[in-house]
Amino acid sequence: KFVKYNVYKTDEPTTEIDVENSEFSMPEYDVTVSATFTSIKELDKIEVNTTNVKKTFWQGEAFSSDGLEVTAYYTDGTSTEVTPTNITGGNTANAGKITVTVSYTEGSNTKTTTYDITVKAIANEEESPYTVTEAREIIDAVGETTVDVYVQGIVSKIVTEYNATFGNISYNISEDGKTTSAQLQAYRGKSYNG
C-alpha cells in the first residue's frame, strides 16, 4: 500500500513536493515520482490452543473455557497472544459433540475459529453402572441429577444399622470397599434383607 509519494520537479531535483494522500493530481510541469511502500499491519486470523482447556463435560455442567490460549496473526507476519472478544456455543444442555466459537475483534475486523467439546449424557443402564469415581464427578459437576443412575461399588462402611421396620440401611460404598475417602453414601437404601 502507498503510504507517501515524493514528487520532485524534474528540472529541480532538490525541490520536493510532499504528497501524503494515495491520490494526487499531476502538476502542469514534468515531475519525477517515487513512492514509499510499507506493509500495513492488519488482523489476518486467530488460532486457539486448547491443551489446558476442559473438553469433556457432563450434561448440565457449567461450561468453562479456562486455560484457553488465543493467538492473533497479522498480515505483516507478526503474532501475539490476545484475550478473546467473545466465546459462544458452550451449551451443555444436550449430550454430544458441541462446537465452541471463539472470536477476536480489532477495530471493525473480527476473526473467528472453533474447537469442539464433548458433553456426556447422565444416563446409564443396570448392565453398565457408573463407578463411584464417575458418580462423584457427576455430583461435583452438576450437583443433584434429575435422573436415576446406577452406581457400582463395594460397601466400605455401615453408617446406620439395619432398620427392621423400614427394611433399609445406610452405608458407604467405594471402588474397592476399603477406601474411606472417595465414597458415596446410600442413605436408607434397601438392605440384603429387604
Protein backbone atom coordinates (compact mmCIF):
# COMPACT_ATOMS: atom_id res chain seq x y z
CA LYS A 1 0.00 0.00 0.00
CA PHE A 2 1.15 3.53 -0.66
CA VAL A 3 1.99 5.47 2.44
CA LYS A 4 3.69 8.51 0.92
CA TYR A 5 4.54 9.88 -2.53
CA ASN A 6 7.61 12.02 -3.04
CA VAL A 7 7.25 14.26 -6.06
CA TYR A 8 10.20 16.25 -7.49
CA LYS A 9 10.25 18.81 -10.26
CA THR A 10 12.30 17.13 -12.98
CA ASP A 11 14.36 20.23 -13.68
CA GLU A 12 14.79 20.95 -9.93
CA PRO A 13 15.58 17.59 -8.22
CA THR A 14 16.21 19.22 -4.86
CA THR A 15 12.71 20.71 -4.66
CA GLU A 16 10.35 18.19 -3.07
CA ILE A 17 6.61 18.47 -3.33
CA ASP A 18 5.19 16.48 -0.38
CA VAL A 19 2.03 14.49 -1.09
CA GLU A 20 0.67 12.22 1.64
CA ASN A 21 -2.55 11.02 0.08
CA SER A 22 -2.96 7.92 -2.01
CA GLU A 23 -4.24 10.11 -4.86
CA PHE A 24 -2.93 13.37 -6.20
CA SER A 25 -3.27 15.49 -9.33
CA MET A 26 -0.27 15.73 -11.61
CA PRO A 27 1.08 19.28 -11.86
CA GLU A 28 1.44 21.01 -15.25
CA TYR A 29 5.22 20.62 -15.29
CA ASP A 30 7.39 17.49 -15.57
CA VAL A 31 7.86 15.62 -12.30
CA THR A 32 9.64 12.54 -11.00
CA VAL A 33 7.54 10.43 -8.64
CA SER A 34 8.84 7.99 -6.07
CA ALA A 35 6.63 6.12 -3.61
CA THR A 36 7.39 4.64 -0.24
CA PHE A 37 5.65 1.33 0.43
CA THR A 38 5.06 -0.18 3.84
CA SER A 39 3.13 -3.24 4.83
CA ILE A 40 0.05 -2.39 6.80
CA LYS A 41 -0.47 -4.47 9.95
CA GLU A 42 -3.98 -5.91 9.89
CA LEU A 43 -5.54 -8.81 11.77
CA ASP A 44 -5.34 -11.85 9.47
CA LYS A 45 -6.55 -14.81 11.57
CA ILE A 46 -6.69 -16.29 15.07
CA GLU A 47 -5.80 -19.74 16.37
CA VAL A 48 -6.61 -21.40 19.69
CA ASN A 49 -4.54 -23.70 21.85
CA THR A 50 -6.87 -25.95 23.87
CA THR A 51 -4.18 -28.04 25.58
CA ASN A 52 -5.12 -26.72 29.04
CA VAL A 53 -8.88 -26.44 28.43
CA LYS A 54 -11.51 -28.83 29.74
CA LYS A 55 -13.05 -30.52 26.71
CA THR A 56 -15.32 -33.14 28.30
CA PHE A 57 -18.35 -32.11 30.34
CA TRP A 58 -21.29 -33.87 31.94
CA GLN A 59 -24.72 -32.91 30.66
CA GLY A 60 -25.84 -29.78 32.53
CA GLU A 61 -22.37 -28.97 33.85
CA ALA A 62 -21.34 -25.30 33.69
CA PHE A 63 -19.19 -24.64 30.61
CA SER A 64 -15.73 -23.20 31.17
CA SER A 65 -13.05 -22.09 28.71
CA ASP A 66 -10.46 -21.51 31.45
CA GLY A 67 -6.95 -22.17 30.15
CA LEU A 68 -7.82 -21.26 26.54
CA GLU A 69 -4.98 -19.51 24.72
CA VAL A 70 -5.77 -17.34 21.68
CA THR A 71 -3.11 -16.11 19.27
CA ALA A 72 -3.75 -13.34 16.73
CA TYR A 73 -1.78 -13.41 13.46
CA TYR A 74 -1.22 -10.26 11.39
CA THR A 75 -0.61 -9.53 7.72
CA ASP A 76 2.91 -8.27 8.47
CA GLY A 77 3.89 -11.74 9.76
CA THR A 78 3.75 -10.93 13.47
CA SER A 79 1.60 -12.60 16.11
CA THR A 80 0.61 -12.02 19.72
CA GLU A 81 -1.45 -13.70 22.43
CA VAL A 82 -4.81 -11.95 22.90
CA THR A 83 -7.93 -12.15 25.04
CA PRO A 84 -10.95 -13.34 23.05
CA THR A 85 -13.72 -10.83 22.49
CA ASN A 86 -16.46 -13.46 22.56
CA ILE A 87 -16.87 -17.19 23.23
CA THR A 88 -20.18 -18.85 22.27
CA GLY A 89 -21.66 -22.30 21.83
CA GLY A 90 -20.60 -23.94 25.09
CA ASN A 91 -24.11 -25.18 25.84
CA THR A 92 -24.02 -28.44 27.81
CA ALA A 93 -27.79 -29.00 27.96
CA ASN A 94 -27.64 -31.77 25.35
CA ALA A 95 -25.19 -34.64 25.10
CA GLY A 96 -22.91 -35.00 22.08
CA LYS A 97 -20.21 -33.12 20.22
CA ILE A 98 -20.61 -29.36 20.67
CA THR A 99 -18.74 -26.67 18.71
CA VAL A 100 -17.44 -23.66 20.62
CA THR A 101 -16.82 -20.48 18.60
CA VAL A 102 -14.07 -18.07 19.65
CA SER A 103 -13.95 -14.51 18.25
CA TYR A 104 -11.44 -11.70 18.50
CA THR A 105 -12.04 -8.16 17.21
CA GLU A 106 -9.65 -5.29 16.49
CA GLY A 107 -11.43 -2.17 15.29
CA SER A 108 -14.01 -3.41 12.79
CA ASN A 109 -12.03 -6.54 11.91
CA THR A 110 -13.31 -9.74 13.57
CA LYS A 111 -11.79 -13.20 13.15
CA THR A 112 -13.26 -16.45 14.47
CA THR A 113 -12.20 -20.03 14.95
CA THR A 114 -13.73 -23.06 16.67
CA TYR A 115 -12.95 -26.04 18.84
CA ASP A 116 -15.08 -28.99 19.94
CA ILE A 117 -16.15 -30.23 23.34
CA THR A 118 -17.90 -33.47 24.26
CA VAL A 119 -20.94 -33.49 26.53
CA LYS A 120 -21.60 -36.85 28.18
CA ALA A 121 -25.17 -37.84 28.98
CA ILE A 122 -26.08 -38.60 32.57
CA ALA A 123 -27.85 -41.86 31.93
CA ASN A 124 -26.88 -45.49 32.12
CA GLU A 125 -28.29 -48.99 32.37
CA GLU A 126 -28.06 -51.55 35.15
CA GLU A 127 -25.68 -53.55 32.94
CA SER A 128 -23.27 -50.60 32.68
CA PRO A 129 -23.25 -48.80 36.04
CA TYR A 130 -21.06 -45.81 36.85
CA THR A 131 -18.08 -46.32 39.07
CA VAL A 132 -18.02 -44.47 42.39
CA THR A 133 -15.44 -42.10 40.86
CA GLU A 134 -17.72 -41.31 37.89
CA ALA A 135 -20.72 -40.79 40.18
CA ARG A 136 -18.70 -38.38 42.33
CA GLU A 137 -17.59 -36.50 39.19
CA ILE A 138 -21.23 -36.07 38.17
CA ILE A 139 -22.20 -34.83 41.64
CA ASP A 140 -19.26 -32.40 41.70
CA ALA A 141 -20.11 -31.16 38.19
CA VAL A 142 -23.88 -30.76 38.29
CA GLY A 143 -25.00 -31.38 41.86
CA GLU A 144 -28.22 -33.31 42.17
CA THR A 145 -29.29 -35.05 38.97
CA THR A 146 -32.83 -35.20 37.67
CA VAL A 147 -32.43 -38.80 36.51
CA ASP A 148 -31.77 -42.01 38.39
CA VAL A 149 -28.46 -43.71 37.66
CA TYR A 150 -26.82 -46.99 38.56
CA VAL A 151 -23.58 -46.94 40.56
CA GLN A 152 -21.40 -49.93 41.31
CA GLY A 153 -19.24 -50.12 44.42
CA ILE A 154 -18.38 -52.23 47.42
CA VAL A 155 -19.68 -51.46 50.90
CA SER A 156 -16.87 -49.79 52.83
CA LYS A 157 -18.72 -48.70 55.95
CA ILE A 158 -22.10 -49.28 57.64
CA VAL A 159 -23.42 -45.86 58.66
CA THR A 160 -26.69 -46.92 60.34
CA GLU A 161 -27.64 -50.44 61.22
CA TYR A 162 -30.43 -52.37 59.56
CA ASN A 163 -33.87 -50.90 60.32
CA ALA A 164 -36.31 -53.82 60.53
CA THR A 165 -39.34 -51.50 60.46
CA PHE A 166 -38.43 -49.98 57.10
CA GLY A 167 -36.16 -52.74 55.77
CA ASN A 168 -33.33 -50.39 54.99
CA ILE A 169 -29.80 -49.49 55.98
CA SER A 170 -27.41 -46.57 55.34
CA TYR A 171 -23.93 -47.41 54.12
CA ASN A 172 -20.96 -46.01 52.22
CA ILE A 173 -19.56 -47.57 49.06
CA SER A 174 -16.18 -47.12 47.41
CA GLU A 175 -14.41 -48.63 44.41
CA ASP A 176 -12.57 -51.27 46.44
CA GLY A 177 -14.59 -51.48 49.68
CA LYS A 178 -11.56 -50.37 51.67
CA THR A 179 -11.16 -46.71 50.73
CA THR A 180 -12.73 -44.45 53.31
CA SER A 181 -12.21 -41.16 51.50
CA ALA A 182 -13.75 -41.17 47.99
CA GLN A 183 -17.08 -42.75 48.90
CA LEU A 184 -20.79 -42.41 48.21
CA GLN A 185 -23.47 -42.92 50.81
CA ALA A 186 -26.57 -44.97 50.14
CA TYR A 187 -28.96 -43.33 52.59
CA ARG A 188 -31.68 -45.67 53.77
CA GLY A 189 -31.08 -47.96 50.86
CA LYS A 190 -32.59 -51.38 50.61
CA SER A 191 -30.61 -53.95 52.50
CA TYR A 192 -29.94 -57.51 51.54
CA ASN A 193 -32.79 -58.45 53.88
CA GLY A 194 -35.30 -56.12 52.22
